[in-house]
Amino acid sequence: MAPPPLFFQSPIRYMRYASHQYPAIYWSVVIGAISPVIVFGAPYIRKKLGYENSPRIPMTYPRE
């Protein structure tokens, strides 16, 4: 059995190894790395798809 690959020597091979040996940790890191892109990209995508922001909730009781 070959020793596990080192990350800095072959990152693609190590990611493939980690996805098979430690899937929960691997996908947690992948989703965590993609989240900043989603945070900044989601409003732009929503706007392009035609979604509108919901109206703000009133903070006071309306007067007659």
N, C-alpha and C. Protein backbone atom coordinates (compact mmCIF):
# COMPACT_ATOMS: atom_id res chain seq x y z
N MET A 1 0.85 -1.19 0.00
CA MET A 1 0.00 0.00 0.00
C MET A 1 0.89 1.24 0.00
N ALA A 2 0.57 2.16 -0.86
CA ALA A 2 1.36 3.38 -0.99
C ALA A 2 1.04 4.34 0.15
N PRO A 3 2.02 5.15 0.54
CA PRO A 3 1.74 6.15 1.57
C PRO A 3 0.80 7.22 1.02
N PRO A 4 0.04 7.88 1.89
CA PRO A 4 -0.87 8.93 1.41
C PRO A 4 -0.08 10.08 0.79
N PRO A 5 -0.60 10.70 -0.26
CA PRO A 5 0.12 11.80 -0.91
C PRO A 5 0.16 13.03 -0.01
N LEU A 6 1.21 13.81 -0.17
CA LEU A 6 1.35 15.06 0.57
C LEU A 6 0.69 16.18 -0.23
N PHE A 7 0.05 17.09 0.48
CA PHE A 7 -0.74 18.14 -0.19
C PHE A 7 0.12 19.03 -1.08
N PHE A 8 1.26 19.50 -0.58
CA PHE A 8 2.04 20.49 -1.33
C PHE A 8 2.82 19.87 -2.49
N GLN A 9 3.00 18.56 -2.49
CA GLN A 9 3.69 17.92 -3.61
C GLN A 9 2.74 17.66 -4.77
N SER A 10 1.52 17.26 -4.47
CA SER A 10 0.54 16.99 -5.53
C SER A 10 -0.86 17.27 -4.99
N PRO A 11 -1.31 18.53 -5.07
CA PRO A 11 -2.59 18.91 -4.45
C PRO A 11 -3.81 18.21 -5.06
N ILE A 12 -3.84 18.00 -6.37
CA ILE A 12 -5.01 17.35 -6.98
C ILE A 12 -5.10 15.90 -6.52
N ARG A 13 -3.97 15.23 -6.49
CA ARG A 13 -3.96 13.83 -6.04
C ARG A 13 -4.37 13.74 -4.57
N TYR A 14 -3.89 14.69 -3.75
CA TYR A 14 -4.26 14.68 -2.34
C TYR A 14 -5.76 14.93 -2.16
N MET A 15 -6.33 15.85 -2.94
CA MET A 15 -7.77 16.12 -2.81
C MET A 15 -8.59 14.90 -3.20
N ARG A 16 -8.15 14.17 -4.22
CA ARG A 16 -8.84 12.94 -4.59
C ARG A 16 -8.74 11.90 -3.47
N TYR A 17 -7.56 11.78 -2.87
CA TYR A 17 -7.35 10.87 -1.74
C TYR A 17 -8.24 11.26 -0.56
N ALA A 18 -8.26 12.56 -0.23
CA ALA A 18 -9.04 13.03 0.91
C ALA A 18 -10.54 12.86 0.67
N SER A 19 -10.99 13.03 -0.57
CA SER A 19 -12.42 12.87 -0.84
C SER A 19 -12.88 11.43 -0.64
N HIS A 20 -11.98 10.47 -0.82
CA HIS A 20 -12.33 9.07 -0.59
C HIS A 20 -12.14 8.66 0.86
N GLN A 21 -11.10 9.14 1.51
CA GLN A 21 -10.79 8.72 2.87
C GLN A 21 -11.55 9.51 3.93
N TYR A 22 -11.75 10.80 3.69
CA TYR A 22 -12.41 11.68 4.67
C TYR A 22 -13.47 12.53 3.96
N PRO A 23 -14.57 11.92 3.51
CA PRO A 23 -15.54 12.68 2.71
C PRO A 23 -16.21 13.83 3.46
N ALA A 24 -16.52 13.64 4.74
CA ALA A 24 -17.21 14.70 5.49
C ALA A 24 -16.31 15.92 5.64
N ILE A 25 -15.06 15.70 5.98
CA ILE A 25 -14.13 16.82 6.14
C ILE A 25 -13.86 17.48 4.78
N TYR A 26 -13.69 16.67 3.76
CA TYR A 26 -13.41 17.19 2.42
C TYR A 26 -14.54 18.11 1.95
N TRP A 27 -15.79 17.64 2.03
CA TRP A 27 -16.90 18.45 1.54
C TRP A 27 -17.15 19.66 2.43
N SER A 28 -16.85 19.56 3.72
CA SER A 28 -16.98 20.72 4.60
C SER A 28 -16.01 21.81 4.17
N VAL A 29 -14.80 21.43 3.83
CA VAL A 29 -13.80 22.40 3.38
C VAL A 29 -14.18 22.99 2.02
N VAL A 30 -14.67 22.16 1.12
CA VAL A 30 -15.07 22.64 -0.21
C VAL A 30 -16.21 23.64 -0.10
N ILE A 31 -17.24 23.32 0.66
CA ILE A 31 -18.38 24.22 0.83
C ILE A 31 -17.95 25.50 1.55
N GLY A 32 -17.09 25.36 2.56
CA GLY A 32 -16.59 26.54 3.26
C GLY A 32 -15.76 27.44 2.38
N ALA A 33 -15.03 26.87 1.44
CA ALA A 33 -14.22 27.68 0.53
C ALA A 33 -15.07 28.39 -0.51
N ILE A 34 -16.19 27.80 -0.89
CA ILE A 34 -17.07 28.39 -1.90
C ILE A 34 -18.01 29.44 -1.30
N SER A 35 -18.24 29.40 0.00
CA SER A 35 -19.23 30.29 0.62
C SER A 35 -18.98 31.78 0.41
N PRO A 36 -17.73 32.30 0.45
CA PRO A 36 -17.57 33.73 0.18
C PRO A 36 -18.03 34.12 -1.23
N VAL A 37 -17.82 33.25 -2.19
CA VAL A 37 -18.28 33.53 -3.56
C VAL A 37 -19.80 33.60 -3.59
N ILE A 38 -20.45 32.70 -2.87
CA ILE A 38 -21.91 32.68 -2.83
C ILE A 38 -22.45 33.93 -2.14
N VAL A 39 -21.80 34.36 -1.06
CA VAL A 39 -22.27 35.53 -0.32
C VAL A 39 -22.26 36.77 -1.20
N PHE A 40 -21.20 36.95 -1.99
CA PHE A 40 -21.12 38.15 -2.82
C PHE A 40 -21.81 37.97 -4.17
N GLY A 41 -21.99 36.74 -4.62
CA GLY A 41 -22.59 36.49 -5.92
C GLY A 41 -24.09 36.32 -5.90
N ALA A 42 -24.65 35.91 -4.77
CA ALA A 42 -26.08 35.62 -4.70
C ALA A 42 -26.96 36.84 -5.00
N PRO A 43 -26.69 38.03 -4.46
CA PRO A 43 -27.56 39.18 -4.79
C PRO A 43 -27.55 39.49 -6.29
N TYR A 44 -26.41 39.39 -6.92
CA TYR A 44 -26.32 39.65 -8.36
C TYR A 44 -27.13 38.63 -9.14
N ILE A 45 -27.02 37.37 -8.77
CA ILE A 45 -27.76 36.30 -9.46
C ILE A 45 -29.26 36.47 -9.25
N ARG A 46 -29.67 36.80 -8.01
CA ARG A 46 -31.10 37.01 -7.74
C ARG A 46 -31.64 38.17 -8.58
N LYS A 47 -30.87 39.23 -8.71
CA LYS A 47 -31.30 40.39 -9.49
C LYS A 47 -31.43 40.02 -10.97
N LYS A 48 -30.49 39.24 -11.48
CA LYS A 48 -30.54 38.81 -12.88
C LYS A 48 -31.73 37.90 -13.16
N LEU A 49 -32.13 37.09 -12.18
CA LEU A 49 -33.25 36.17 -12.35
C LEU A 49 -34.60 36.84 -12.13
N GLY A 50 -34.60 38.11 -11.68
CA GLY A 50 -35.85 38.85 -11.55
C GLY A 50 -36.47 38.84 -10.17
N TYR A 51 -35.78 38.30 -9.19
CA TYR A 51 -36.32 38.32 -7.83
C TYR A 51 -36.22 39.73 -7.27
N GLU A 52 -37.25 40.12 -6.51
CA GLU A 52 -37.24 41.43 -5.87
C GLU A 52 -37.20 41.24 -4.36
N ASN A 53 -36.60 42.18 -3.67
CA ASN A 53 -36.57 42.11 -2.22
C ASN A 53 -37.98 42.32 -1.67
N SER A 54 -38.28 41.64 -0.59
CA SER A 54 -39.60 41.79 0.03
C SER A 54 -39.68 43.15 0.72
N PRO A 55 -40.89 43.72 0.85
CA PRO A 55 -41.01 45.01 1.54
C PRO A 55 -40.62 44.89 3.00
N ARG A 56 -40.09 45.97 3.53
CA ARG A 56 -39.65 45.95 4.93
C ARG A 56 -40.85 45.85 5.87
N ILE A 57 -40.66 45.19 6.98
CA ILE A 57 -41.71 45.04 7.98
C ILE A 57 -41.83 46.35 8.75
N PRO A 58 -43.06 46.90 8.93
CA PRO A 58 -43.21 48.15 9.65
C PRO A 58 -42.80 47.99 11.12
N MET A 59 -42.14 48.99 11.64
CA MET A 59 -41.68 48.95 13.03
C MET A 59 -42.68 49.59 13.98
N THR A 60 -43.67 50.33 13.46
CA THR A 60 -44.68 50.97 14.30
C THR A 60 -46.06 50.59 13.79
N TYR A 61 -47.05 50.81 14.62
CA TYR A 61 -48.43 50.54 14.23
C TYR A 61 -48.90 51.65 13.30
N PRO A 62 -49.53 51.32 12.17
CA PRO A 62 -49.96 52.37 11.25
C PRO A 62 -51.06 53.25 11.86
N ARG A 63 -50.97 54.55 11.62
CA ARG A 63 -51.99 55.49 12.11
C ARG A 63 -53.12 55.56 11.12
N GLU A 64 -54.29 55.93 11.62
CA GLU A 64 -55.46 56.03 10.74
C GLU A 64 -55.55 57.36 10.07
